[in-house]
Amino acid sequence: MTTIAQRLALKRRAVHAACRELGMDDDTRRDMMQRVAGVRSTTDLDLRKADLVLDHLNKSGAKLGKKDVGRRKDKPKDAAITDQVAKIEAQLADMKLPWQYAHSMARHMFKVERLEWCNGAQLGKIIAALAYEQEKRALLEQVDGLLRAAGKTQDDLTFRLTGVKNGDTGWKRNKKQLERLIQMVPQWWPAA
């Protein structure tokens, strides 16, 4: 459990890091903090003011505090699995998923706590599962495109399938049903 002082220290460091990322010199940083929080030094920030400054920096383009999507600094060093990990990295980046997603898959599929601890066969199965997920997402995008062309929404389709407003949306995760819907949606609702 972190104390208020520890949280404040982390936020102050984050302000400095975000300012460096945005290329701000000390004078510019101090002027910005004066405008946003009414202080000229990070030592004068409290938690509320630090949040104001960090929000302003994030809106200005700093990427601090964002999920680590698709990029990883501590990739496994084993040459035999490097290609497989690179493939997983590309798949995660394509779907804009964090590395935690792959760790969760390793836990769920193999009871292995971290992706780095998977062997080559396990990594191959994770690659296959991610490829299947990519296919489902691509099919869902096709269905969405057909719905937009017809002036309809996913809610309209769900109602058509279930007869219930805000009904079950299991069709979004079912590859075979998505493939059928690509054929059926234009029949139900021709493009406007």
N, C-alpha and C. Protein backbone atom coordinates (compact mmCIF):
# COMPACT_ATOMS: atom_id res chain seq x y z
N MET A 1 0.85 -1.17 0.00
CA MET A 1 0.00 0.00 0.00
C MET A 1 0.90 1.24 0.00
N THR A 2 0.59 2.18 -0.88
CA THR A 2 1.41 3.38 -0.97
C THR A 2 0.82 4.49 -0.12
N THR A 3 1.70 5.27 0.43
CA THR A 3 1.26 6.41 1.22
C THR A 3 1.01 7.59 0.29
N ILE A 4 0.39 8.62 0.83
CA ILE A 4 0.14 9.83 0.05
C ILE A 4 1.46 10.44 -0.41
N ALA A 5 2.44 10.44 0.47
CA ALA A 5 3.75 11.01 0.11
C ALA A 5 4.38 10.24 -1.04
N GLN A 6 4.25 8.90 -1.04
CA GLN A 6 4.81 8.10 -2.13
C GLN A 6 4.08 8.37 -3.44
N ARG A 7 2.75 8.47 -3.38
CA ARG A 7 1.96 8.77 -4.58
C ARG A 7 2.34 10.13 -5.13
N LEU A 8 2.50 11.09 -4.23
CA LEU A 8 2.85 12.44 -4.66
C LEU A 8 4.23 12.46 -5.31
N ALA A 9 5.17 11.73 -4.74
CA ALA A 9 6.52 11.66 -5.30
C ALA A 9 6.48 11.05 -6.71
N LEU A 10 5.68 10.01 -6.90
CA LEU A 10 5.54 9.39 -8.22
C LEU A 10 4.94 10.38 -9.23
N LYS A 11 3.95 11.11 -8.80
CA LYS A 11 3.31 12.08 -9.70
C LYS A 11 4.27 13.22 -10.05
N ARG A 12 5.06 13.65 -9.11
CA ARG A 12 6.03 14.71 -9.39
C ARG A 12 7.06 14.24 -10.41
N ARG A 13 7.52 12.99 -10.24
CA ARG A 13 8.47 12.43 -11.21
C ARG A 13 7.81 12.30 -12.58
N ALA A 14 6.54 11.92 -12.59
CA ALA A 14 5.82 11.78 -13.85
C ALA A 14 5.69 13.13 -14.56
N VAL A 15 5.50 14.21 -13.80
CA VAL A 15 5.42 15.54 -14.40
C VAL A 15 6.74 15.85 -15.11
N HIS A 16 7.85 15.61 -14.42
CA HIS A 16 9.16 15.88 -15.03
C HIS A 16 9.37 15.02 -16.28
N ALA A 17 9.01 13.74 -16.20
CA ALA A 17 9.20 12.85 -17.34
C ALA A 17 8.33 13.28 -18.52
N ALA A 18 7.09 13.67 -18.26
CA ALA A 18 6.19 14.10 -19.34
C ALA A 18 6.71 15.39 -19.98
N CYS A 19 7.22 16.29 -19.17
CA CYS A 19 7.78 17.54 -19.71
C CYS A 19 8.99 17.25 -20.59
N ARG A 20 9.84 16.31 -20.16
CA ARG A 20 10.99 15.92 -20.99
C ARG A 20 10.52 15.31 -22.30
N GLU A 21 9.50 14.46 -22.20
CA GLU A 21 8.96 13.82 -23.40
C GLU A 21 8.45 14.86 -24.40
N LEU A 22 7.85 15.93 -23.89
CA LEU A 22 7.31 16.98 -24.75
C LEU A 22 8.37 18.01 -25.15
N GLY A 23 9.60 17.85 -24.64
CA GLY A 23 10.68 18.75 -25.00
C GLY A 23 10.63 20.10 -24.30
N MET A 24 10.02 20.16 -23.13
CA MET A 24 9.93 21.42 -22.39
C MET A 24 11.20 21.66 -21.59
N ASP A 25 11.70 22.89 -21.64
CA ASP A 25 12.81 23.24 -20.76
C ASP A 25 12.24 23.66 -19.41
N ASP A 26 13.11 23.96 -18.44
CA ASP A 26 12.65 24.28 -17.09
C ASP A 26 11.74 25.50 -17.05
N ASP A 27 12.09 26.55 -17.78
CA ASP A 27 11.27 27.76 -17.77
C ASP A 27 9.88 27.50 -18.34
N THR A 28 9.82 26.76 -19.43
CA THR A 28 8.53 26.44 -20.04
C THR A 28 7.70 25.59 -19.10
N ARG A 29 8.35 24.59 -18.44
CA ARG A 29 7.64 23.74 -17.48
C ARG A 29 7.08 24.58 -16.35
N ARG A 30 7.88 25.48 -15.81
CA ARG A 30 7.43 26.31 -14.70
C ARG A 30 6.27 27.23 -15.12
N ASP A 31 6.36 27.81 -16.32
CA ASP A 31 5.28 28.67 -16.82
C ASP A 31 3.98 27.87 -16.98
N MET A 32 4.09 26.66 -17.55
CA MET A 32 2.92 25.81 -17.73
C MET A 32 2.30 25.45 -16.38
N MET A 33 3.13 25.08 -15.40
CA MET A 33 2.60 24.72 -14.08
C MET A 33 1.94 25.93 -13.41
N GLN A 34 2.48 27.12 -13.62
CA GLN A 34 1.88 28.34 -13.06
C GLN A 34 0.49 28.55 -13.65
N ARG A 35 0.36 28.38 -14.97
CA ARG A 35 -0.94 28.55 -15.63
C ARG A 35 -1.95 27.49 -15.17
N VAL A 36 -1.50 26.24 -15.10
CA VAL A 36 -2.42 25.12 -14.85
C VAL A 36 -2.74 24.94 -13.37
N ALA A 37 -1.72 25.05 -12.51
CA ALA A 37 -1.92 24.71 -11.09
C ALA A 37 -1.58 25.83 -10.13
N GLY A 38 -1.07 26.94 -10.63
CA GLY A 38 -0.77 28.05 -9.74
C GLY A 38 0.51 27.90 -8.94
N VAL A 39 1.40 27.01 -9.37
CA VAL A 39 2.69 26.82 -8.69
C VAL A 39 3.79 26.81 -9.74
N ARG A 40 5.02 27.11 -9.33
CA ARG A 40 6.14 27.13 -10.28
C ARG A 40 7.11 25.98 -10.07
N SER A 41 6.92 25.20 -9.03
CA SER A 41 7.83 24.10 -8.74
C SER A 41 7.03 22.84 -8.44
N THR A 42 7.56 21.68 -8.84
CA THR A 42 6.87 20.43 -8.54
C THR A 42 6.82 20.16 -7.04
N THR A 43 7.75 20.72 -6.29
CA THR A 43 7.72 20.52 -4.83
C THR A 43 6.52 21.21 -4.20
N ASP A 44 5.91 22.18 -4.91
CA ASP A 44 4.73 22.86 -4.38
C ASP A 44 3.43 22.18 -4.79
N LEU A 45 3.52 21.11 -5.57
CA LEU A 45 2.32 20.40 -6.01
C LEU A 45 1.76 19.53 -4.89
N ASP A 46 0.43 19.52 -4.77
CA ASP A 46 -0.23 18.52 -3.94
C ASP A 46 -0.85 17.51 -4.91
N LEU A 47 -1.55 16.50 -4.40
CA LEU A 47 -2.08 15.46 -5.28
C LEU A 47 -3.04 16.04 -6.31
N ARG A 48 -3.93 16.93 -5.91
CA ARG A 48 -4.92 17.50 -6.82
C ARG A 48 -4.24 18.31 -7.91
N LYS A 49 -3.31 19.17 -7.52
CA LYS A 49 -2.61 19.99 -8.50
C LYS A 49 -1.73 19.15 -9.42
N ALA A 50 -1.12 18.10 -8.88
CA ALA A 50 -0.31 17.20 -9.71
C ALA A 50 -1.20 16.53 -10.76
N ASP A 51 -2.42 16.12 -10.36
CA ASP A 51 -3.34 15.52 -11.33
C ASP A 51 -3.73 16.51 -12.42
N LEU A 52 -3.95 17.77 -12.04
CA LEU A 52 -4.28 18.79 -13.03
C LEU A 52 -3.15 18.94 -14.05
N VAL A 53 -1.92 19.01 -13.55
CA VAL A 53 -0.76 19.18 -14.44
C VAL A 53 -0.61 17.94 -15.33
N LEU A 54 -0.73 16.74 -14.77
CA LEU A 54 -0.59 15.51 -15.57
C LEU A 54 -1.69 15.41 -16.62
N ASP A 55 -2.92 15.79 -16.26
CA ASP A 55 -4.00 15.78 -17.25
C ASP A 55 -3.68 16.73 -18.39
N HIS A 56 -3.19 17.92 -18.05
CA HIS A 56 -2.83 18.89 -19.07
C HIS A 56 -1.72 18.34 -19.98
N LEU A 57 -0.72 17.70 -19.39
CA LEU A 57 0.39 17.15 -20.17
C LEU A 57 -0.09 16.01 -21.07
N ASN A 58 -0.98 15.16 -20.55
CA ASN A 58 -1.52 14.08 -21.38
C ASN A 58 -2.30 14.64 -22.55
N LYS A 59 -3.09 15.69 -22.31
CA LYS A 59 -3.85 16.32 -23.39
C LYS A 59 -2.91 17.00 -24.39
N SER A 60 -1.74 17.37 -23.92
CA SER A 60 -0.76 18.02 -24.80
C SER A 60 0.06 17.01 -25.61
N GLY A 61 -0.16 15.73 -25.38
CA GLY A 61 0.51 14.72 -26.18
C GLY A 61 1.45 13.79 -25.44
N ALA A 62 1.67 14.00 -24.15
CA ALA A 62 2.52 13.08 -23.40
C ALA A 62 1.82 11.74 -23.30
N LYS A 63 2.57 10.67 -23.42
CA LYS A 63 1.96 9.34 -23.41
C LYS A 63 2.13 8.64 -22.07
N LEU A 64 2.52 9.35 -21.07
CA LEU A 64 2.71 8.73 -19.76
C LEU A 64 1.38 8.28 -19.19
N GLY A 65 1.41 7.13 -18.53
CA GLY A 65 0.21 6.62 -17.91
C GLY A 65 -0.68 5.84 -18.85
N LYS A 66 -0.30 5.73 -20.13
CA LYS A 66 -1.09 4.97 -21.08
C LYS A 66 -0.67 3.50 -20.99
N LYS A 67 -1.57 2.61 -21.44
CA LYS A 67 -1.24 1.19 -21.46
C LYS A 67 -0.05 0.94 -22.36
N ASP A 68 0.74 -0.05 -22.00
CA ASP A 68 1.88 -0.43 -22.82
C ASP A 68 1.36 -1.36 -23.91
N VAL A 69 0.87 -0.78 -25.01
CA VAL A 69 0.21 -1.52 -26.05
C VAL A 69 1.23 -2.05 -27.06
N GLY A 70 1.30 -3.37 -27.15
CA GLY A 70 2.07 -4.00 -28.20
C GLY A 70 3.58 -3.85 -28.12
N ARG A 71 4.13 -3.09 -27.20
CA ARG A 71 5.57 -2.90 -27.10
C ARG A 71 6.06 -3.47 -25.79
N ARG A 72 7.27 -4.00 -25.83
CA ARG A 72 7.78 -4.65 -24.64
C ARG A 72 9.28 -4.46 -24.55
N LYS A 73 9.74 -4.07 -23.37
CA LYS A 73 11.17 -3.84 -23.17
C LYS A 73 11.90 -5.11 -22.74
N ASP A 74 11.19 -6.00 -22.03
CA ASP A 74 11.87 -7.16 -21.45
C ASP A 74 11.49 -8.45 -22.18
N LYS A 75 11.68 -8.46 -23.50
CA LYS A 75 11.38 -9.65 -24.30
C LYS A 75 12.30 -10.79 -23.88
N PRO A 76 11.83 -12.03 -24.01
CA PRO A 76 12.69 -13.16 -23.69
C PRO A 76 13.94 -13.17 -24.56
N LYS A 77 15.03 -13.67 -24.02
CA LYS A 77 16.31 -13.67 -24.72
C LYS A 77 16.56 -14.97 -25.49
N ASP A 78 15.78 -16.01 -25.25
CA ASP A 78 15.98 -17.31 -25.88
C ASP A 78 15.77 -17.20 -27.39
N ALA A 79 16.81 -17.49 -28.16
CA ALA A 79 16.77 -17.33 -29.62
C ALA A 79 15.71 -18.22 -30.26
N ALA A 80 15.44 -19.38 -29.67
CA ALA A 80 14.50 -20.33 -30.25
C ALA A 80 13.07 -19.78 -30.25
N ILE A 81 12.75 -18.92 -29.30
CA ILE A 81 11.38 -18.42 -29.22
C ILE A 81 11.26 -16.95 -29.62
N THR A 82 12.37 -16.33 -29.99
CA THR A 82 12.34 -14.91 -30.32
C THR A 82 11.38 -14.61 -31.46
N ASP A 83 11.38 -15.43 -32.51
CA ASP A 83 10.49 -15.21 -33.64
C ASP A 83 9.02 -15.33 -33.22
N GLN A 84 8.75 -16.31 -32.37
CA GLN A 84 7.36 -16.49 -31.92
C GLN A 84 6.92 -15.30 -31.06
N VAL A 85 7.79 -14.82 -30.20
CA VAL A 85 7.45 -13.67 -29.37
C VAL A 85 7.27 -12.43 -30.24
N ALA A 86 8.09 -12.28 -31.28
CA ALA A 86 7.94 -11.15 -32.19
C ALA A 86 6.58 -11.22 -32.90
N LYS A 87 6.16 -12.42 -33.26
CA LYS A 87 4.85 -12.60 -33.90
C LYS A 87 3.73 -12.22 -32.93
N ILE A 88 3.85 -12.65 -31.68
CA ILE A 88 2.85 -12.30 -30.66
C ILE A 88 2.82 -10.79 -30.47
N GLU A 89 4.00 -10.18 -30.42
CA GLU A 89 4.10 -8.74 -30.27
C GLU A 89 3.36 -8.03 -31.40
N ALA A 90 3.54 -8.50 -32.63
CA ALA A 90 2.88 -7.90 -33.79
C ALA A 90 1.37 -8.09 -33.72
N GLN A 91 0.94 -9.26 -33.30
CA GLN A 91 -0.50 -9.52 -33.19
C GLN A 91 -1.13 -8.61 -32.13
N LEU A 92 -0.48 -8.48 -30.99
CA LEU A 92 -1.00 -7.61 -29.93
C LEU A 92 -1.07 -6.16 -30.41
N ALA A 93 -0.03 -5.71 -31.08
CA ALA A 93 -0.01 -4.34 -31.58
C ALA A 93 -1.11 -4.12 -32.61
N ASP A 94 -1.34 -5.10 -33.47
CA ASP A 94 -2.38 -5.00 -34.49
C ASP A 94 -3.77 -4.84 -33.86
N MET A 95 -3.99 -5.54 -32.76
CA MET A 95 -5.29 -5.47 -32.08
C MET A 95 -5.33 -4.41 -30.98
N LYS A 96 -4.22 -3.69 -30.81
CA LYS A 96 -4.10 -2.66 -29.78
C LYS A 96 -4.37 -3.23 -28.38
N LEU A 97 -3.73 -4.37 -28.12
CA LEU A 97 -3.88 -5.05 -26.84
C LEU A 97 -2.59 -4.93 -26.04
N PRO A 98 -2.69 -4.83 -24.71
CA PRO A 98 -1.48 -4.77 -23.88
C PRO A 98 -0.86 -6.16 -23.72
N TRP A 99 0.40 -6.20 -23.31
CA TRP A 99 1.07 -7.48 -23.08
C TRP A 99 0.37 -8.29 -22.01
N GLN A 100 -0.32 -7.63 -21.12
CA GLN A 100 -1.04 -8.35 -20.06
C GLN A 100 -2.03 -9.35 -20.66
N TYR A 101 -2.56 -9.03 -21.83
CA TYR A 101 -3.49 -9.93 -22.51
C TYR A 101 -2.81 -11.27 -22.81
N ALA A 102 -1.57 -11.22 -23.31
CA ALA A 102 -0.83 -12.46 -23.62
C ALA A 102 -0.48 -13.22 -22.34
N HIS A 103 -0.14 -12.49 -21.27
CA HIS A 103 0.13 -13.16 -19.99
C HIS A 103 -1.13 -13.88 -19.50
N SER A 104 -2.28 -13.22 -19.66
CA SER A 104 -3.55 -13.83 -19.24
C SER A 104 -3.84 -15.08 -20.06
N MET A 105 -3.52 -15.04 -21.34
CA MET A 105 -3.71 -16.22 -22.18
C MET A 105 -2.83 -17.38 -21.69
N ALA A 106 -1.58 -17.08 -21.36
CA ALA A 106 -0.67 -18.12 -20.87
C ALA A 106 -1.21 -18.74 -19.58
N ARG A 107 -1.73 -17.88 -18.69
CA ARG A 107 -2.31 -18.38 -17.43
C ARG A 107 -3.53 -19.24 -17.71
N HIS A 108 -4.40 -18.76 -18.56
CA HIS A 108 -5.66 -19.46 -18.84
C HIS A 108 -5.42 -20.77 -19.59
N MET A 109 -4.57 -20.73 -20.61
CA MET A 109 -4.37 -21.90 -21.46
C MET A 109 -3.45 -22.95 -20.85
N PHE A 110 -2.41 -22.51 -20.13
CA PHE A 110 -1.37 -23.45 -19.70
C PHE A 110 -1.05 -23.40 -18.22
N LYS A 111 -1.73 -22.53 -17.48
CA LYS A 111 -1.44 -22.35 -16.04
C LYS A 111 0.00 -21.89 -15.84
N VAL A 112 0.51 -21.11 -16.81
CA VAL A 112 1.85 -20.53 -16.75
C VAL A 112 1.68 -19.05 -16.48
N GLU A 113 2.34 -18.55 -15.48
CA GLU A 113 2.11 -17.18 -15.01
C GLU A 113 2.50 -16.10 -16.01
N ARG A 114 3.57 -16.30 -16.76
CA ARG A 114 4.04 -15.27 -17.69
C ARG A 114 4.35 -15.88 -19.05
N LEU A 115 4.17 -15.10 -20.07
CA LEU A 115 4.41 -15.54 -21.44
C LEU A 115 5.85 -16.03 -21.62
N GLU A 116 6.82 -15.35 -20.98
CA GLU A 116 8.24 -15.72 -21.13
C GLU A 116 8.52 -17.14 -20.68
N TRP A 117 7.66 -17.67 -19.84
CA TRP A 117 7.90 -19.00 -19.30
C TRP A 117 7.28 -20.10 -20.15
N CYS A 118 6.62 -19.74 -21.24
CA CYS A 118 6.03 -20.73 -22.14
C CYS A 118 7.10 -21.32 -23.04
N ASN A 119 6.91 -22.59 -23.40
CA ASN A 119 7.83 -23.21 -24.35
C ASN A 119 7.34 -22.93 -25.78
N GLY A 120 8.10 -23.40 -26.77
CA GLY A 120 7.77 -23.12 -28.16
C GLY A 120 6.40 -23.61 -28.58
N ALA A 121 6.02 -24.82 -28.14
CA ALA A 121 4.71 -25.37 -28.50
C ALA A 121 3.58 -24.51 -27.91
N GLN A 122 3.76 -24.08 -26.67
CA GLN A 122 2.74 -23.25 -26.03
C GLN A 122 2.64 -21.89 -26.73
N LEU A 123 3.78 -21.32 -27.09
CA LEU A 123 3.76 -20.04 -27.81
C LEU A 123 3.05 -20.19 -29.15
N GLY A 124 3.26 -21.33 -29.82
CA GLY A 124 2.58 -21.58 -31.08
C GLY A 124 1.06 -21.59 -30.92
N LYS A 125 0.60 -22.16 -29.82
CA LYS A 125 -0.85 -22.20 -29.55
C LYS A 125 -1.39 -20.81 -29.22
N ILE A 126 -0.59 -20.00 -28.55
CA ILE A 126 -1.01 -18.63 -28.27
C ILE A 126 -1.08 -17.83 -29.57
N ILE A 127 -0.12 -18.04 -30.46
CA ILE A 127 -0.15 -17.38 -31.77
C ILE A 127 -1.42 -17.77 -32.52
N ALA A 128 -1.76 -19.05 -32.49
CA ALA A 128 -2.97 -19.52 -33.19
C ALA A 128 -4.23 -18.91 -32.58
N ALA A 129 -4.27 -18.82 -31.26
CA ALA A 129 -5.44 -18.23 -30.60
C ALA A 129 -5.56 -16.74 -30.93
N LEU A 130 -4.42 -16.05 -30.96
CA LEU A 130 -4.46 -14.62 -31.33
C LEU A 130 -4.88 -14.44 -32.78
N ALA A 131 -4.44 -15.34 -33.67
CA ALA A 131 -4.84 -15.27 -35.08
C ALA A 131 -6.35 -15.47 -35.20
N TYR A 132 -6.88 -16.39 -34.43
CA TYR A 132 -8.34 -16.64 -34.43
C TYR A 132 -9.07 -15.38 -33.94
N GLU A 133 -8.54 -14.74 -32.92
CA GLU A 133 -9.14 -13.51 -32.41
C GLU A 133 -9.09 -12.41 -33.47
N GLN A 134 -7.97 -12.31 -34.19
CA GLN A 134 -7.86 -11.32 -35.26
C GLN A 134 -8.92 -11.57 -36.34
N GLU A 135 -9.14 -12.85 -36.68
CA GLU A 135 -10.15 -13.19 -37.68
C GLU A 135 -11.54 -12.76 -37.21
N LYS A 136 -11.86 -13.04 -35.94
CA LYS A 136 -13.18 -12.64 -35.42
C LYS A 136 -13.35 -11.13 -35.45
N ARG A 137 -12.31 -10.41 -35.08
CA ARG A 137 -12.39 -8.95 -35.10
C ARG A 137 -12.57 -8.42 -36.52
N ALA A 138 -11.89 -9.04 -37.48
CA ALA A 138 -12.04 -8.62 -38.88
C ALA A 138 -13.46 -8.89 -39.37
N LEU A 139 -14.02 -10.03 -39.01
CA LEU A 139 -15.40 -10.35 -39.40
C LEU A 139 -16.38 -9.36 -38.77
N LEU A 140 -16.17 -9.03 -37.50
CA LEU A 140 -17.05 -8.07 -36.83
C LEU A 140 -16.97 -6.71 -37.51
N GLU A 141 -15.77 -6.32 -37.95
CA GLU A 141 -15.63 -5.05 -38.69
C GLU A 141 -16.41 -5.10 -39.99
N GLN A 142 -16.40 -6.26 -40.67
CA GLN A 142 -17.18 -6.40 -41.91
C GLN A 142 -18.67 -6.25 -41.63
N VAL A 143 -19.14 -6.90 -40.57
CA VAL A 143 -20.56 -6.79 -40.20
C VAL A 143 -20.90 -5.34 -39.88
N ASP A 144 -20.05 -4.67 -39.13
CA ASP A 144 -20.28 -3.26 -38.80
C ASP A 144 -20.36 -2.41 -40.07
N GLY A 145 -19.49 -2.68 -41.04
CA GLY A 145 -19.51 -1.94 -42.30
C GLY A 145 -20.82 -2.15 -43.05
N LEU A 146 -21.30 -3.39 -43.07
CA LEU A 146 -22.58 -3.68 -43.73
C LEU A 146 -23.73 -2.98 -43.02
N LEU A 147 -23.68 -2.98 -41.69
CA LEU A 147 -24.73 -2.31 -40.91
C LEU A 147 -24.72 -0.81 -41.18
N ARG A 148 -23.52 -0.20 -41.19
CA ARG A 148 -23.43 1.24 -41.47
C ARG A 148 -23.98 1.56 -42.85
N ALA A 149 -23.65 0.72 -43.83
CA ALA A 149 -24.13 0.95 -45.20
C ALA A 149 -25.65 0.89 -45.28
N ALA A 150 -26.26 0.10 -44.40
CA ALA A 150 -27.71 -0.03 -44.38
C ALA A 150 -28.37 0.96 -43.42
N GLY A 151 -27.55 1.75 -42.74
CA GLY A 151 -28.11 2.71 -41.78
C GLY A 151 -28.59 2.05 -40.50
N LYS A 152 -28.00 0.93 -40.16
CA LYS A 152 -28.39 0.17 -38.96
C LYS A 152 -27.22 0.12 -37.97
N THR A 153 -27.52 -0.34 -36.76
CA THR A 153 -26.51 -0.45 -35.71
C THR A 153 -26.43 -1.89 -35.20
N GLN A 154 -25.45 -2.14 -34.35
CA GLN A 154 -25.36 -3.46 -33.73
C GLN A 154 -26.59 -3.75 -32.88
N ASP A 155 -27.14 -2.71 -32.25
CA ASP A 155 -28.37 -2.91 -31.46
C ASP A 155 -29.52 -3.39 -32.34
N ASP A 156 -29.64 -2.84 -33.56
CA ASP A 156 -30.68 -3.29 -34.50
C ASP A 156 -30.49 -4.76 -34.83
N LEU A 157 -29.24 -5.16 -35.06
CA LEU A 157 -28.95 -6.55 -35.40
C LEU A 157 -29.24 -7.46 -34.21
N THR A 158 -28.85 -7.04 -33.03
CA THR A 158 -29.11 -7.85 -31.84
C THR A 158 -30.61 -8.05 -31.66
N PHE A 159 -31.38 -6.98 -31.87
CA PHE A 159 -32.84 -7.09 -31.76
C PHE A 159 -33.39 -8.04 -32.81
N ARG A 160 -32.86 -7.97 -34.03
CA ARG A 160 -33.29 -8.86 -35.11
C ARG A 160 -33.00 -10.31 -34.75
N LEU A 161 -31.88 -10.56 -34.10
CA LEU A 161 -31.47 -11.93 -33.77
C LEU A 161 -32.20 -12.48 -32.54
N THR A 162 -32.44 -11.61 -31.55
CA THR A 162 -32.98 -12.10 -30.28
C THR A 162 -34.41 -11.67 -30.02
N GLY A 163 -34.85 -10.60 -30.68
CA GLY A 163 -36.19 -10.06 -30.40
C GLY A 163 -36.24 -9.31 -29.10
N VAL A 164 -35.09 -9.07 -28.52
CA VAL A 164 -35.02 -8.37 -27.23
C VAL A 164 -34.15 -7.13 -27.39
N LYS A 165 -34.69 -5.99 -26.96
CA LYS A 165 -33.89 -4.77 -27.01
C LYS A 165 -32.77 -4.91 -25.99
N ASN A 166 -31.55 -4.54 -26.37
CA ASN A 166 -30.36 -4.71 -25.51
C ASN A 166 -30.19 -6.16 -25.10
N GLY A 167 -30.45 -7.07 -26.03
CA GLY A 167 -30.37 -8.49 -25.74
C GLY A 167 -28.96 -9.02 -25.76
N ASP A 168 -28.85 -10.35 -25.79
CA ASP A 168 -27.56 -11.05 -25.77
C ASP A 168 -26.75 -10.68 -27.02
N THR A 169 -25.49 -10.36 -26.83
CA THR A 169 -24.62 -10.00 -27.95
C THR A 169 -23.56 -11.08 -28.18
N GLY A 170 -23.87 -12.32 -27.86
CA GLY A 170 -22.93 -13.42 -28.06
C GLY A 170 -22.51 -13.57 -29.51
N TRP A 171 -23.31 -13.07 -30.44
CA TRP A 171 -22.97 -13.17 -31.86
C TRP A 171 -21.67 -12.45 -32.18
N LYS A 172 -21.30 -11.46 -31.38
CA LYS A 172 -20.09 -10.69 -31.65
C LYS A 172 -18.82 -11.53 -31.44
N ARG A 173 -18.91 -12.60 -30.68
CA ARG A 173 -17.75 -13.41 -30.36
C ARG A 173 -17.78 -14.78 -31.06
N ASN A 174 -18.79 -15.02 -31.90
CA ASN A 174 -18.96 -16.32 -32.55
C ASN A 174 -18.57 -16.22 -34.02
N LYS A 175 -17.45 -16.82 -34.40
CA LYS A 175 -16.92 -16.67 -35.75
C LYS A 175 -17.89 -17.20 -36.80
N LYS A 176 -18.48 -18.37 -36.57
CA LYS A 176 -19.40 -18.95 -37.55
C LYS A 176 -20.64 -18.06 -37.71
N GLN A 177 -21.13 -17.53 -36.61
CA GLN A 177 -22.30 -16.66 -36.71
C GLN A 177 -21.95 -15.35 -37.43
N LEU A 178 -20.77 -14.82 -37.18
CA LEU A 178 -20.33 -13.61 -37.89
C LEU A 178 -20.24 -13.86 -39.39
N GLU A 179 -19.71 -15.03 -39.77
CA GLU A 179 -19.62 -15.37 -41.19
C GLU A 179 -21.01 -15.45 -41.82
N ARG A 180 -21.98 -16.04 -41.09
CA ARG A 180 -23.36 -16.10 -41.59
C ARG A 180 -23.98 -14.71 -41.69
N LEU A 181 -23.68 -13.87 -40.71
CA LEU A 181 -24.27 -12.52 -40.71
C LEU A 181 -23.77 -11.69 -41.88
N ILE A 182 -22.54 -11.92 -42.32
CA ILE A 182 -22.02 -11.20 -43.48
C ILE A 182 -22.89 -11.51 -44.71
N GLN A 183 -23.43 -12.71 -44.77
CA GLN A 183 -24.33 -13.08 -45.86
C GLN A 183 -25.75 -12.56 -45.63
N MET A 184 -26.20 -12.56 -44.37
CA MET A 184 -27.60 -12.26 -44.07
C MET A 184 -27.91 -10.77 -43.98
N VAL A 185 -27.01 -9.97 -43.42
CA VAL A 185 -27.30 -8.55 -43.20
C VAL A 185 -27.71 -7.85 -44.49
N PRO A 186 -27.00 -8.05 -45.62
CA PRO A 186 -27.43 -7.36 -46.85
C PRO A 186 -28.81 -7.83 -47.33
N GLN A 187 -29.19 -9.06 -47.00
CA GLN A 187 -30.52 -9.56 -47.37
C GLN A 187 -31.60 -8.91 -46.51
N TRP A 188 -31.30 -8.78 -45.22
CA TRP A 188 -32.28 -8.17 -44.30
C TRP A 188 -32.42 -6.68 -44.55
N TRP A 189 -31.28 -6.02 -44.72
CA TRP A 189 -31.27 -4.55 -44.87
C TRP A 189 -30.35 -4.19 -46.03
N PRO A 190 -30.87 -4.06 -47.23
CA PRO A 190 -30.02 -3.64 -48.34
C PRO A 190 -29.39 -2.27 -48.06
N ALA A 191 -28.24 -2.05 -48.62
CA ALA A 191 -27.52 -0.77 -48.40
C ALA A 191 -28.40 0.39 -48.83
N ALA A 192 -28.35 1.45 -48.02
CA ALA A 192 -29.21 2.62 -48.31
C ALA A 192 -28.70 3.42 -49.48
